[in-house]
C-alpha atoms as a PDB file:
ATOM      1  CA  UNK A   1      20.620  13.997  19.791  1.00  0.00           C
ATOM      2  CA  UNK A   2      20.238  18.067  19.328  1.00  0.00           C
ATOM      3  CA  UNK A   3      17.613  17.828  16.582  1.00  0.00           C
ATOM      4  CA  UNK A   4      16.199  15.533  18.358  1.00  0.00           C
ATOM      5  CA  UNK A   5      15.802  17.361  21.366  1.00  0.00           C
ATOM      6  CA  UNK A   6      14.773  20.029  19.476  1.00  0.00           C
ATOM      7  CA  UNK A   7      11.935  18.456  18.072  1.00  0.00           C
ATOM      8  CA  UNK A   8      10.145  15.795  20.335  1.00  0.00           C
ATOM      9  CA  UNK A   9       6.309  16.286  20.654  1.00  0.00           C
ATOM     10  CA  UNK A  10       6.423  18.428  24.011  1.00  0.00           C
ATOM     11  CA  UNK A  11       2.954  17.602  24.413  1.00  0.00           C
ATOM     12  CA  UNK A  12       3.836  13.889  25.165  1.00  0.00           C
ATOM     13  CA  UNK A  13       7.323  14.334  26.434  1.00  0.00           C
ATOM     14  CA  UNK A  14       9.377  16.643  29.003  1.00  0.00           C
ATOM     15  CA  UNK A  15      13.015  16.431  28.193  1.00  0.00           C
ATOM     16  CA  UNK A  16      15.773  16.620  30.348  1.00  0.00           C
ATOM     17  CA  UNK A  17      19.417  17.064  29.048  1.00  0.00           C
ATOM     18  CA  UNK A  18      22.260  15.247  30.902  1.00  0.00           C
ATOM     19  CA  UNK A  19      25.263  15.812  29.721  1.00  0.00           C
ATOM     20  CA  UNK A  20      29.230  15.328  31.314  1.00  0.00           C
ATOM     21  CA  UNK A  21      30.095  19.025  30.541  1.00  0.00           C
ATOM     22  CA  UNK A  22      28.022  21.987  30.301  1.00  0.00           C
ATOM     23  CA  UNK A  23      29.234  23.115  27.359  1.00  0.00           C
ATOM     24  CA  UNK A  24      29.613  23.489  23.545  1.00  0.00           C
ATOM     25  CA  UNK A  25      28.523  24.474  20.024  1.00  0.00           C
ATOM     26  CA  UNK A  26      24.865  22.231  21.407  1.00  0.00           C
ATOM     27  CA  UNK A  27      24.334  24.076  24.620  1.00  0.00           C
ATOM     28  CA  UNK A  28      22.610  26.817  22.608  1.00  0.00           C
ATOM     29  CA  UNK A  29      20.302  24.961  20.876  1.00  0.00           C
ATOM     30  CA  UNK A  30      19.316  22.530  23.356  1.00  0.00           C
ATOM     31  CA  UNK A  31      18.491  25.402  26.205  1.00  0.00           C
ATOM     32  CA  UNK A  32      15.239  26.970  24.621  1.00  0.00           C
ATOM     33  CA  UNK A  33      13.834  23.623  24.010  1.00  0.00           C
ATOM     34  CA  UNK A  34      14.960  21.388  27.350  1.00  0.00           C
ATOM     35  CA  UNK A  35      13.452  21.306  30.603  1.00  0.00           C
ATOM     36  CA  UNK A  36      16.782  21.209  32.486  1.00  0.00           C
ATOM     37  CA  UNK A  37      20.355  20.959  31.515  1.00  0.00           C
ATOM     38  CA  UNK A  38      22.067  18.937  34.210  1.00  0.00           C
ATOM     39  CA  UNK A  39      25.200  18.280  34.327  1.00  0.00           C
ATOM     40  CA  UNK A  40      27.234  15.248  36.097  1.00  0.00           C
ATOM     41  CA  UNK A  41      31.278  16.252  35.957  1.00  0.00           C
ATOM     42  CA  UNK A  42      33.221  13.684  35.268  1.00  0.00           C
ATOM     43  CA  UNK A  43      37.534  13.110  33.406  1.00  0.00           C
ATOM     44  CA  UNK A  44      37.534   9.707  33.080  1.00  0.00           C
ATOM     45  CA  UNK A  45      36.248   6.283  33.998  1.00  0.00           C
ATOM     46  CA  UNK A  46      39.168   5.384  36.417  1.00  0.00           C
ATOM     47  CA  UNK A  47      39.130   8.559  37.759  1.00  0.00           C
ATOM     48  CA  UNK A  48      37.939   9.498  41.737  1.00  0.00           C
ATOM     49  CA  UNK A  49      34.900  10.977  41.702  1.00  0.00           C
ATOM     50  CA  UNK A  50      33.140   9.244  38.845  1.00  0.00           C
ATOM     51  CA  UNK A  51      31.502   6.586  40.901  1.00  0.00           C
ATOM     52  CA  UNK A  52      29.780   9.424  43.371  1.00  0.00           C
ATOM     53  CA  UNK A  53      28.924  10.985  39.824  1.00  0.00           C
ATOM     54  CA  UNK A  54      27.394   8.246  38.890  1.00  0.00           C
ATOM     55  CA  UNK A  55      25.388   7.427  41.915  1.00  0.00           C
ATOM     56  CA  UNK A  56      24.287  11.234  41.937  1.00  0.00           C
ATOM     57  CA  UNK A  57      22.570  10.611  38.371  1.00  0.00           C
ATOM     58  CA  UNK A  58      21.073   7.552  39.361  1.00  0.00           C
ATOM     59  CA  UNK A  59      19.211   9.604  42.417  1.00  0.00           C
ATOM     60  CA  UNK A  60      18.453  12.581  40.278  1.00  0.00           C
ATOM     61  CA  UNK A  61      16.615   9.610  37.981  1.00  0.00           C
ATOM     62  CA  UNK A  62      14.950   8.942  40.474  1.00  0.00           C
ATOM     63  CA  UNK A  63      13.636  12.177  42.074  1.00  0.00           C
ATOM     64  CA  UNK A  64      12.867  13.137  38.403  1.00  0.00           C
ATOM     65  CA  UNK A  65      10.841   9.844  38.062  1.00  0.00           C
ATOM     66  CA  UNK A  66      12.356   9.856  34.463  1.00  0.00           C
ATOM     67  CA  UNK A  67      10.943   7.605  32.379  1.00  0.00           C
ATOM     68  CA  UNK A  68      12.976   7.199  29.116  1.00  0.00           C
ATOM     69  CA  UNK A  69      16.966   7.638  29.017  1.00  0.00           C
ATOM     70  CA  UNK A  70      18.591   7.833  25.967  1.00  0.00           C
ATOM     71  CA  UNK A  71      22.504   7.692  25.314  1.00  0.00           C
ATOM     72  CA  UNK A  72      23.977   9.050  22.435  1.00  0.00           C
ATOM     73  CA  UNK A  73      27.846   7.762  22.163  1.00  0.00           C
ATOM     74  CA  UNK A  74      30.333   5.108  23.736  1.00  0.00           C
ATOM     75  CA  UNK A  75      30.951   7.202  27.114  1.00  0.00           C
ATOM     76  CA  UNK A  76      27.581   8.158  27.639  1.00  0.00           C
ATOM     77  CA  UNK A  77      26.313   4.623  26.871  1.00  0.00           C
ATOM     78  CA  UNK A  78      29.046   2.965  29.539  1.00  0.00           C
ATOM     79  CA  UNK A  79      27.957   6.156  32.375  1.00  0.00           C
ATOM     80  CA  UNK A  80      23.984   6.394  31.581  1.00  0.00           C
ATOM     81  CA  UNK A  81      22.205   2.792  30.636  1.00  0.00           C
ATOM     82  CA  UNK A  82      23.869   1.505  34.398  1.00  0.00           C
ATOM     83  CA  UNK A  83      23.129   4.600  35.865  1.00  0.00           C
ATOM     84  CA  UNK A  84      19.440   4.709  34.977  1.00  0.00           C
ATOM     85  CA  UNK A  85      19.065   1.223  35.692  1.00  0.00           C
ATOM     86  CA  UNK A  86      20.003   1.582  39.463  1.00  0.00           C
ATOM     87  CA  UNK A  87      17.371   4.971  38.987  1.00  0.00           C
ATOM     88  CA  UNK A  88      14.816   2.692  38.173  1.00  0.00           C
ATOM     89  CA  UNK A  89      14.383   3.962  34.989  1.00  0.00           C
ATOM     90  CA  UNK A  90      12.035   1.584  32.967  1.00  0.00           C
ATOM     91  CA  UNK A  91      13.120   1.976  28.853  1.00  0.00           C
ATOM     92  CA  UNK A  92      16.628   2.716  28.644  1.00  0.00           C
ATOM     93  CA  UNK A  93      18.268   3.355  24.922  1.00  0.00           C
ATOM     94  CA  UNK A  94      21.606   3.146  23.733  1.00  0.00           C
ATOM     95  CA  UNK A  95      23.129   3.912  20.882  1.00  0.00           C
ATOM     96  CA  UNK A  96      25.828   2.543  18.096  1.00  0.00           C
ATOM     97  CA  UNK A  97      26.947   4.910  16.128  1.00  0.00           C
ATOM     98  CA  UNK A  98      30.196   4.098  15.225  1.00  0.00           C
ATOM     99  CA  UNK A  99      32.013   0.958  13.827  1.00  0.00           C
ATOM    100  CA  UNK A 100      35.112   0.603  16.830  1.00  0.00           C
ATOM    101  CA  UNK A 101      37.377   2.718  14.659  1.00  0.00           C
ATOM    102  CA  UNK A 102      40.155   2.959  16.693  1.00  0.00           C
ATOM    103  CA  UNK A 103      38.546   2.144  20.070  1.00  0.00           C
ATOM    104  CA  UNK A 104      40.506  -0.048  22.926  1.00  0.00           C
ATOM    105  CA  UNK A 105      39.374  -3.697  23.732  1.00  0.00           C
ATOM    106  CA  UNK A 106      38.681  -2.236  27.219  1.00  0.00           C
ATOM    107  CA  UNK A 107      36.325   0.395  25.858  1.00  0.00           C
ATOM    108  CA  UNK A 108      34.512  -1.709  23.784  1.00  0.00           C
ATOM    109  CA  UNK A 109      33.940  -4.297  26.000  1.00  0.00           C
ATOM    110  CA  UNK A 110      32.946  -1.710  28.991  1.00  0.00           C
ATOM    111  CA  UNK A 111      30.219  -0.811  26.439  1.00  0.00           C
ATOM    112  CA  UNK A 112      29.507  -4.196  25.310  1.00  0.00           C
ATOM    113  CA  UNK A 113      28.256  -4.707  29.566  1.00  0.00           C
ATOM    114  CA  UNK A 114      26.775  -1.585  29.211  1.00  0.00           C
ATOM    115  CA  UNK A 115      24.212  -2.397  26.652  1.00  0.00           C
ATOM    116  CA  UNK A 116      23.019  -5.771  29.080  1.00  0.00           C
ATOM    117  CA  UNK A 117      21.190  -2.506  30.934  1.00  0.00           C
ATOM    118  CA  UNK A 118      19.535  -1.296  28.287  1.00  0.00           C
ATOM    119  CA  UNK A 119      15.824  -2.291  26.975  1.00  0.00           C
ATOM    120  CA  UNK A 120      16.575  -1.380  23.413  1.00  0.00           C
ATOM    121  CA  UNK A 121      20.147  -0.335  21.470  1.00  0.00           C
ATOM    122  CA  UNK A 122      19.295   1.901  18.335  1.00  0.00           C
ATOM    123  CA  UNK A 123      21.995   1.320  15.604  1.00  0.00           C
ATOM    124  CA  UNK A 124      21.913   4.359  12.919  1.00  0.00           C
ATOM    125  CA  UNK A 125      22.752   2.179  10.145  1.00  0.00           C
ATOM    126  CA  UNK A 126      22.443  -1.527   9.033  1.00  0.00           C
ATOM    127  CA  UNK A 127      26.434  -1.397   9.596  1.00  0.00           C
ATOM    128  CA  UNK A 128      26.410  -0.472  13.279  1.00  0.00           C
ATOM    129  CA  UNK A 129      23.359  -3.171  13.780  1.00  0.00           C
ATOM    130  CA  UNK A 130      25.340  -5.895  11.805  1.00  0.00           C
ATOM    131  CA  UNK A 131      28.294  -5.062  14.753  1.00  0.00           C
ATOM    132  CA  UNK A 132      25.960  -4.854  17.745  1.00  0.00           C
ATOM    133  CA  UNK A 133      24.987  -8.475  16.227  1.00  0.00           C
ATOM    134  CA  UNK A 134      28.557  -9.434  16.108  1.00  0.00           C
ATOM    135  CA  UNK A 135      29.074  -8.615  19.937  1.00  0.00           C
ATOM    136  CA  UNK A 136      25.974 -10.904  20.497  1.00  0.00           C
ATOM    137  CA  UNK A 137      23.252  -8.507  21.215  1.00  0.00           C
ATOM    138  CA  UNK A 138      19.746 -10.121  19.970  1.00  0.00           C
ATOM    139  CA  UNK A 139      18.113  -8.955  17.326  1.00  0.00           C
ATOM    140  CA  UNK A 140      14.708  -8.010  19.545  1.00  0.00           C
ATOM    141  CA  UNK A 141      17.475  -5.903  21.323  1.00  0.00           C
ATOM    142  CA  UNK A 142      18.007  -3.625  18.649  1.00  0.00           C
ATOM    143  CA  UNK A 143      17.015  -1.482  15.839  1.00  0.00           C
ATOM    144  CA  UNK A 144      17.624   0.452  13.080  1.00  0.00           C
ATOM    145  CA  UNK A 145      16.566   4.144  12.520  1.00  0.00           C
ATOM    146  CA  UNK A 146      19.196   6.202  10.561  1.00  0.00           C
ATOM    147  CA  UNK A 147      19.851   9.780  10.770  1.00  0.00           C
ATOM    148  CA  UNK A 148      17.485  12.964   9.801  1.00  0.00           C
ATOM    149  CA  UNK A 149      18.565  15.813   8.626  1.00  0.00           C
ATOM    150  CA  UNK A 150      16.173  19.157   7.990  1.00  0.00           C
ATOM    151  CA  UNK A 151      15.309  19.174   4.664  1.00  0.00           C
ATOM    152  CA  UNK A 152      14.382  22.697   4.391  1.00  0.00           C
ATOM    153  CA  UNK A 153      17.833  24.001   5.235  1.00  0.00           C
ATOM    154  CA  UNK A 154      19.593  22.519   1.868  1.00  0.00           C
ATOM    155  CA  UNK A 155      18.649  24.269  -1.165  1.00  0.00           C
ATOM    156  CA  UNK A 156      18.458  23.566  -4.695  1.00  0.00           C
ATOM    157  CA  UNK A 157      21.665  24.662  -6.821  1.00  0.00           C
ATOM    158  CA  UNK A 158      22.380  25.249 -10.082  1.00  0.00           C
ATOM    159  CA  UNK A 159      24.747  22.910 -11.750  1.00  0.00           C
ATOM    160  CA  UNK A 160      28.134  24.617 -12.009  1.00  0.00           C
ATOM    161  CA  UNK A 161      30.087  25.050 -15.160  1.00  0.00           C
ATOM    162  CA  UNK A 162      33.251  23.889 -13.831  1.00  0.00           C
ATOM    163  CA  UNK A 163      34.261  21.966 -10.401  1.00  0.00           C
ATOM    164  CA  UNK A 164      36.411  24.238  -9.051  1.00  0.00           C
ATOM    165  CA  UNK A 165      35.772  23.889  -5.237  1.00  0.00           C
ATOM    166  CA  UNK A 166      35.480  20.683  -3.243  1.00  0.00           C
ATOM    167  CA  UNK A 167      34.476  20.479   0.822  1.00  0.00           C
ATOM    168  CA  UNK A 168      34.719  17.950   3.299  1.00  0.00           C
ATOM    169  CA  UNK A 169      33.418  17.901   6.560  1.00  0.00           C
ATOM    170  CA  UNK A 170      34.504  15.576   9.424  1.00  0.00           C
ATOM    171  CA  UNK A 171      35.978  16.014  12.976  1.00  0.00           C
ATOM    172  CA  UNK A 172      39.217  15.757  12.424  1.00  0.00           C
ATOM    173  CA  UNK A 173      40.393  12.351  13.999  1.00  0.00           C
ATOM    174  CA  UNK A 174      42.083   9.465  12.132  1.00  0.00           C
ATOM    175  CA  UNK A 175      39.207   7.033  11.402  1.00  0.00           C
ATOM    176  CA  UNK A 176      38.238   9.953   8.960  1.00  0.00           C
ATOM    177  CA  UNK A 177      42.006   9.376   7.262  1.00  0.00           C
ATOM    178  CA  UNK A 178      42.291  13.094   6.017  1.00  0.00           C
ATOM    179  CA  UNK A 179      45.611  12.170   4.922  1.00  0.00           C
ATOM    180  CA  UNK A 180      44.099  10.329   1.801  1.00  0.00           C
ATOM    181  CA  UNK A 181      42.308  13.318   0.850  1.00  0.00           C
ATOM    182  CA  UNK A 182      45.594  15.138   1.169  1.00  0.00           C
ATOM    183  CA  UNK A 183      47.127  13.208  -0.888  1.00  0.00           C
ATOM    184  CA  UNK A 184      44.681  12.920  -4.033  1.00  0.00           C
ATOM    185  CA  UNK A 185      44.597  16.637  -4.179  1.00  0.00           C
ATOM    186  CA  UNK A 186      48.129  16.807  -4.478  1.00  0.00           C
ATOM    187  CA  UNK A 187      47.630  14.719  -7.363  1.00  0.00           C
ATOM    188  CA  UNK A 188      45.097  16.558  -8.839  1.00  0.00           C
ATOM    189  CA  UNK A 189      46.266  20.333  -8.363  1.00  0.00           C
ATOM    190  CA  UNK A 190      48.886  20.152 -11.148  1.00  0.00           C
ATOM    191  CA  UNK A 191      46.609  19.026 -14.052  1.00  0.00           C
ATOM    192  CA  UNK A 192      43.531  21.072 -12.557  1.00  0.00           C
ATOM    193  CA  UNK A 193      44.639  24.252 -10.699  1.00  0.00           C
ATOM    194  CA  UNK A 194      42.073  26.221 -10.109  1.00  0.00           C
ATOM    195  CA  UNK A 195      40.791  23.306  -7.949  1.00  0.00           C
ATOM    196  CA  UNK A 196      40.448  24.622  -4.208  1.00  0.00           C
ATOM    197  CA  UNK A 197      39.547  22.204  -1.406  1.00  0.00           C
ATOM    198  CA  UNK A 198      37.961  22.924   2.539  1.00  0.00           C
ATOM    199  CA  UNK A 199      38.425  20.672   5.356  1.00  0.00           C
ATOM    200  CA  UNK A 200      35.517  22.017   8.022  1.00  0.00           C
ATOM    201  CA  UNK A 201      35.416  20.452  11.473  1.00  0.00           C
ATOM    202  CA  UNK A 202      37.973  20.487  13.986  1.00  0.00           C
ATOM    203  CA  UNK A 203      39.821  18.190  16.260  1.00  0.00           C
ATOM    204  CA  UNK A 204      43.509  16.707  18.185  1.00  0.00           C
ATOM    205  CA  UNK A 205      45.154  16.361  14.135  1.00  0.00           C
ATOM    206  CA  UNK A 206      43.996  19.690  13.097  1.00  0.00           C
ATOM    207  CA  UNK A 207      47.881  21.062  13.493  1.00  0.00           C
ATOM    208  CA  UNK A 208      49.321  17.529  12.074  1.00  0.00           C
ATOM    209  CA  UNK A 209      46.935  17.668   8.747  1.00  0.00           C
ATOM    210  CA  UNK A 210      47.842  21.261   8.357  1.00  0.00           C
ATOM    211  CA  UNK A 211      51.973  21.013   8.469  1.00  0.00           C
ATOM    212  CA  UNK A 212      50.462  18.142   6.108  1.00  0.00           C
ATOM    213  CA  UNK A 213      48.864  20.389   3.317  1.00  0.00           C
ATOM    214  CA  UNK A 214      51.951  22.622   3.446  1.00  0.00           C
ATOM    215  CA  UNK A 215      54.578  19.894   2.911  1.00  0.00           C
ATOM    216  CA  UNK A 216      52.661  18.390  -0.526  1.00  0.00           C
ATOM    217  CA  UNK A 217      52.484  22.226  -1.445  1.00  0.00           C
ATOM    218  CA  UNK A 218      48.661  22.577  -1.273  1.00  0.00           C
ATOM    219  CA  UNK A 219      49.369  26.222   1.032  1.00  0.00           C
ATOM    220  CA  UNK A 220      47.410  27.699  -2.280  1.00  0.00           C
ATOM    221  CA  UNK A 221      44.447  24.765  -2.739  1.00  0.00           C
ATOM    222  CA  UNK A 222      43.757  23.370   0.934  1.00  0.00           C
ATOM    223  CA  UNK A 223      41.622  25.492   3.516  1.00  0.00           C
ATOM    224  CA  UNK A 224      41.080  24.347   6.899  1.00  0.00           C
ATOM    225  CA  UNK A 225      38.093  26.156   7.758  1.00  0.00           C
ATOM    226  CA  UNK A 226      37.706  24.260  11.554  1.00  0.00           C
ATOM    227  CA  UNK A 227      34.554  24.162  13.384  1.00  0.00           C
ATOM    228  CA  UNK A 228      31.284  25.910  11.492  1.00  0.00           C
ATOM    229  CA  UNK A 229      27.535  26.254  11.976  1.00  0.00           C
ATOM    230  CA  UNK A 230      26.672  27.806   8.466  1.00  0.00           C
ATOM    231  CA  UNK A 231      27.277  23.825   7.133  1.00  0.00           C
ATOM    232  CA  UNK A 232      24.168  24.360   4.618  1.00  0.00           C
ATOM    233  CA  UNK A 233      25.509  27.479   2.971  1.00  0.00           C
ATOM    234  CA  UNK A 234      29.290  26.185   2.667  1.00  0.00           C
ATOM    235  CA  UNK A 235      28.049  22.835   1.161  1.00  0.00           C
ATOM    236  CA  UNK A 236      25.708  25.851  -1.543  1.00  0.00           C
ATOM    237  CA  UNK A 237      29.478  27.225  -1.918  1.00  0.00           C
ATOM    238  CA  UNK A 238      30.757  23.895  -2.949  1.00  0.00           C
ATOM    239  CA  UNK A 239      30.819  22.027  -6.163  1.00  0.00           C
ATOM    240  CA  UNK A 240      31.262  18.591  -5.128  1.00  0.00           C
ATOM    241  CA  UNK A 241      32.010  16.810  -1.573  1.00  0.00           C
ATOM    242  CA  UNK A 242      34.633  14.145  -0.541  1.00  0.00           C
ATOM    243  CA  UNK A 243      34.559  11.710   2.336  1.00  0.00           C
ATOM    244  CA  UNK A 244      37.705   9.674   2.613  1.00  0.00           C
ATOM    245  CA  UNK A 245      36.858   7.810   6.264  1.00  0.00           C
ATOM    246  CA  UNK A 246      38.469   4.351   7.070  1.00  0.00           C
ATOM    247  CA  UNK A 247      34.910   3.618   8.765  1.00  0.00           C
ATOM    248  CA  UNK A 248      31.715   5.726   8.857  1.00  0.00           C
ATOM    249  CA  UNK A 249      28.831   3.792  10.127  1.00  0.00           C
ATOM    250  CA  UNK A 250      26.579   6.689   8.938  1.00  0.00           C
ATOM    251  CA  UNK A 251      27.625   9.993   8.589  1.00  0.00           C
ATOM    252  CA  UNK A 252      25.426  12.940   8.583  1.00  0.00           C
ATOM    253  CA  UNK A 253      27.939  15.091   5.921  1.00  0.00           C
ATOM    254  CA  UNK A 254      27.209  12.851   3.376  1.00  0.00           C
ATOM    255  CA  UNK A 255      23.497  13.105   3.716  1.00  0.00           C
ATOM    256  CA  UNK A 256      23.630  16.608   3.991  1.00  0.00           C
ATOM    257  CA  UNK A 257      26.202  16.951   1.023  1.00  0.00           C
ATOM    258  CA  UNK A 258      23.486  14.885  -1.253  1.00  0.00           C
ATOM    259  CA  UNK A 259      20.223  16.746   0.044  1.00  0.00           C
ATOM    260  CA  UNK A 260      22.592  19.621  -0.772  1.00  0.00           C
ATOM    261  CA  UNK A 261      22.866  17.990  -4.250  1.00  0.00           C
ATOM    262  CA  UNK A 262      26.064  17.959  -4.649  1.00  0.00           C
ATOM    263  CA  UNK A 263      27.936  14.766  -6.167  1.00  0.00           C
ATOM    264  CA  UNK A 264      29.892  12.534  -3.199  1.00  0.00           C
ATOM    265  CA  UNK A 265      32.768  10.590  -3.658  1.00  0.00           C
ATOM    266  CA  UNK A 266      33.054   8.238  -0.266  1.00  0.00           C
ATOM    267  CA  UNK A 267      35.612   5.388   1.158  1.00  0.00           C
ATOM    268  CA  UNK A 268      33.283   1.935   0.567  1.00  0.00           C
ATOM    269  CA  UNK A 269      32.566   1.407   4.165  1.00  0.00           C
ATOM    270  CA  UNK A 270      30.088   0.855   6.655  1.00  0.00           C
ATOM    271  CA  UNK A 271      26.907   2.836   6.101  1.00  0.00           C
ATOM    272  CA  UNK A 272      28.206   4.548   3.152  1.00  0.00           C
ATOM    273  CA  UNK A 273      27.176   1.386   1.136  1.00  0.00           C
ATOM    274  CA  UNK A 274      23.913   1.757   2.525  1.00  0.00           C
ATOM    275  CA  UNK A 275      23.937   5.150   1.793  1.00  0.00           C
ATOM    276  CA  UNK A 276      25.264   5.574  -1.848  1.00  0.00           C
ATOM    277  CA  UNK A 277      24.638   3.841  -5.148  1.00  0.00           C
ATOM    278  CA  UNK A 278      27.536   3.742  -6.751  1.00  0.00           C
ATOM    279  CA  UNK A 279      27.459   6.187  -9.808  1.00  0.00           C
ATOM    280  CA  UNK A 280      24.437   6.896  -9.911  1.00  0.00           C
ATOM    281  CA  UNK A 281      23.933   8.916  -6.222  1.00  0.00           C
ATOM    282  CA  UNK A 282      27.315   9.285  -5.388  1.00  0.00           C
ATOM    283  CA  UNK A 283      31.034   7.371  -5.710  1.00  0.00           C
ATOM    284  CA  UNK A 284      32.669   4.842  -3.942  1.00  0.00           C
ATOM    285  CA  UNK A 285      36.009   3.848  -3.871  1.00  0.00           C
ATOM    286  CA  UNK A 286      38.356   1.855  -1.467  1.00  0.00           C
ATOM    287  CA  UNK A 287      39.270   3.623   1.907  1.00  0.00           C
ATOM    288  CA  UNK A 288      42.789   4.796   2.185  1.00  0.00           C
ATOM    289  CA  UNK A 289      43.313   4.795  -1.660  1.00  0.00           C
ATOM    290  CA  UNK A 290      44.720   8.395  -2.781  1.00  0.00           C
ATOM    291  CA  UNK A 291      44.737   7.074  -6.339  1.00  0.00           C
ATOM    292  CA  UNK A 292      40.995   5.448  -6.346  1.00  0.00           C
ATOM    293  CA  UNK A 293      39.885   8.939  -4.362  1.00  0.00           C
ATOM    294  CA  UNK A 294      41.700  11.172  -6.922  1.00  0.00           C
ATOM    295  CA  UNK A 295      40.495   9.382 -10.250  1.00  0.00           C
ATOM    296  CA  UNK A 296      36.781   9.285  -8.979  1.00  0.00           C
ATOM    297  CA  UNK A 297      37.194  13.249  -8.550  1.00  0.00           C
ATOM    298  CA  UNK A 298      38.804  13.370 -11.995  1.00  0.00           C
ATOM    299  CA  UNK A 299      36.052  11.545 -13.179  1.00  0.00           C
ATOM    300  CA  UNK A 300      33.667  13.875 -12.105  1.00  0.00           C
ATOM    301  CA  UNK A 301      35.848  17.439 -13.165  1.00  0.00           C
ATOM    302  CA  UNK A 302      36.342  16.118 -16.334  1.00  0.00           C
ATOM    303  CA  UNK A 303      32.330  15.771 -17.027  1.00  0.00           C
ATOM    304  CA  UNK A 304      30.570  18.101 -14.660  1.00  0.00           C
ATOM    305  CA  UNK A 305      26.586  17.323 -16.231  1.00  0.00           C
ATOM    306  CA  UNK A 306      27.920  13.501 -15.090  1.00  0.00           C
ATOM    307  CA  UNK A 307      28.577  15.305 -11.586  1.00  0.00           C
ATOM    308  CA  UNK A 308      25.338  17.238 -11.837  1.00  0.00           C
ATOM    309  CA  UNK A 309      23.236  14.272 -12.466  1.00  0.00           C
ATOM    310  CA  UNK A 310      24.799  12.223  -9.938  1.00  0.00           C
ATOM    311  CA  UNK A 311      23.961  15.279  -7.937  1.00  0.00           C
ATOM    312  CA  UNK A 312      20.449  15.825  -8.028  1.00  0.00           C
ATOM    313  CA  UNK A 313      19.671  12.023  -7.844  1.00  0.00           C
ATOM    314  CA  UNK A 314      21.721  12.467  -4.647  1.00  0.00           C
ATOM    315  CA  UNK A 315      19.063  14.955  -3.896  1.00  0.00           C
ATOM    316  CA  UNK A 316      15.928  13.205  -4.536  1.00  0.00           C
ATOM    317  CA  UNK A 317      17.169   9.933  -2.736  1.00  0.00           C
ATOM    318  CA  UNK A 318      17.945  11.556   0.242  1.00  0.00           C
ATOM    319  CA  UNK A 319      14.454  13.973   0.467  1.00  0.00           C
ATOM    320  CA  UNK A 320      12.590  10.861  -0.291  1.00  0.00           C
ATOM    321  CA  UNK A 321      14.447   8.700   2.592  1.00  0.00           C
ATOM    322  CA  UNK A 322      15.835  10.848   5.110  1.00  0.00           C
ATOM    323  CA  UNK A 323      13.724  13.525   6.460  1.00  0.00           C
ATOM    324  CA  UNK A 324      13.691  14.387  10.534  1.00  0.00           C
ATOM    325  CA  UNK A 325      10.173  13.757  10.634  1.00  0.00           C
ATOM    326  CA  UNK A 326      10.710  10.337  10.114  1.00  0.00           C
ATOM    327  CA  UNK A 327      13.585  10.026  12.278  1.00  0.00           C
ATOM    328  CA  UNK A 328      11.569  11.647  15.294  1.00  0.00           C
ATOM    329  CA  UNK A 329       8.476   9.474  14.580  1.00  0.00           C
ATOM    330  CA  UNK A 330      10.353   6.297  14.453  1.00  0.00           C
ATOM    331  CA  UNK A 331      12.170   7.457  18.572  1.00  0.00           C
ATOM    332  CA  UNK A 332       8.957   8.413  19.292  1.00  0.00           C
ATOM    333  CA  UNK A 333       7.569   5.316  18.797  1.00  0.00           C
ATOM    334  CA  UNK A 334       9.770   3.578  20.635  1.00  0.00           C
ATOM    335  CA  UNK A 335       9.152   5.634  23.493  1.00  0.00           C
ATOM    336  CA  UNK A 336       5.617   4.909  23.461  1.00  0.00           C
ATOM    337  CA  UNK A 337       6.146   1.160  22.831  1.00  0.00           C
ATOM    338  CA  UNK A 338       8.577   0.775  25.598  1.00  0.00           C
ATOM    339  CA  UNK A 339       6.550   2.794  27.788  1.00  0.00           C
ATOM    340  CA  UNK A 340       3.559   0.983  27.444  1.00  0.00           C
ATOM    341  CA  UNK A 341       4.818  -2.232  28.980  1.00  0.00           C
ATOM    342  CA  UNK A 342       5.766  -0.572  31.948  1.00  0.00           C
ATOM    343  CA  UNK A 343       3.527   2.779  32.732  1.00  0.00           C
ATOM    344  CA  UNK A 344      -0.026   2.211  33.605  1.00  0.00           C
ATOM    345  CA  UNK A 345      -3.377   3.067  30.912  1.00  0.00           C
ATOM    346  CA  UNK A 346      -4.055   6.656  30.642  1.00  0.00           C
ATOM    347  CA  UNK A 347      -0.443   8.121  31.526  1.00  0.00           C
ATOM    348  CA  UNK A 348       0.287   9.798  28.818  1.00  0.00           C
ATOM    349  CA  UNK A 349       2.733  12.781  29.250  1.00  0.00           C
ATOM    350  CA  UNK A 350       6.493  11.523  30.301  1.00  0.00           C
ATOM    351  CA  UNK A 351       9.607  12.847  31.837  1.00  0.00           C
ATOM    352  CA  UNK A 352      12.366  12.133  28.668  1.00  0.00           C
ATOM    353  CA  UNK A 353      16.214  12.458  29.380  1.00  0.00           C
ATOM    354  CA  UNK A 354      19.234  12.414  26.410  1.00  0.00           C
ATOM    355  CA  UNK A 355      22.619  11.958  27.735  1.00  0.00           C
END
């Protein structure tokens, strides 16, 4: 969403950013591009004051004559799609970027209800689109637009003589299954004592995972780097990438690692099945299986030339399929096709809001 806000054609779209809380690493990146950043603070859908913010958002949409509202996750789908409909917004685009990992039945029902107010719901992978179909959305109500990335930010790399540094990038949440990586790492470091593991990302499980790593004797082998804004540099310094998630729709981190030319070992789940061609552009292993994960990493460690070949094939594949230009053009086409059904001929400039 951040890159979409930054890259939309300013000659066609005036972009407003709507948020629940005007804070976070994303804010400095969008302020310079957005026409405004507007806050409608809520602290839970059952809390007092949420209905007031909902109505304020609807009034804001009507006052600003917003033509397109696009939401980006479960919470903004639930808040933004009905609010935009109440505010008279003609084009309302919801999103599906996950496969319901650890979501409650209540959350899933609320989001399914919110989708009724969308003119289109965008999935970021065929796997996510399949979940939408299972939830009853008609194919004509959905579209698939894969994530994109700035390919220029990920320079090519020389093949390392040995694989020493293995990195993962993911929020520290249960569905990312970092404990599977910790267990696999404990199996490997006795055989390959020079191995280093870097865990990039932050979240509610950090302390528990740090304690688990220490209990498995990985103090000198595993480093928790927290949130990083220099992901291309982190990947450039690594030799391999791993993503042990139990559930994934279409992870940017895996695409970025492939763009950097790293061999990737990932769980055979969700959108990763569409992203990785097993043994050609990466390795797929069963989720929550430390032995399988350790075995796949060992297969790369023992043959650096093979690892390099997989990394090169991954980089070539990503450059062909996942550019930002392709992603931005797809969203702009989606906006325009929706507006053509609602905006009078000769109107070429539209107010758009991302939430």
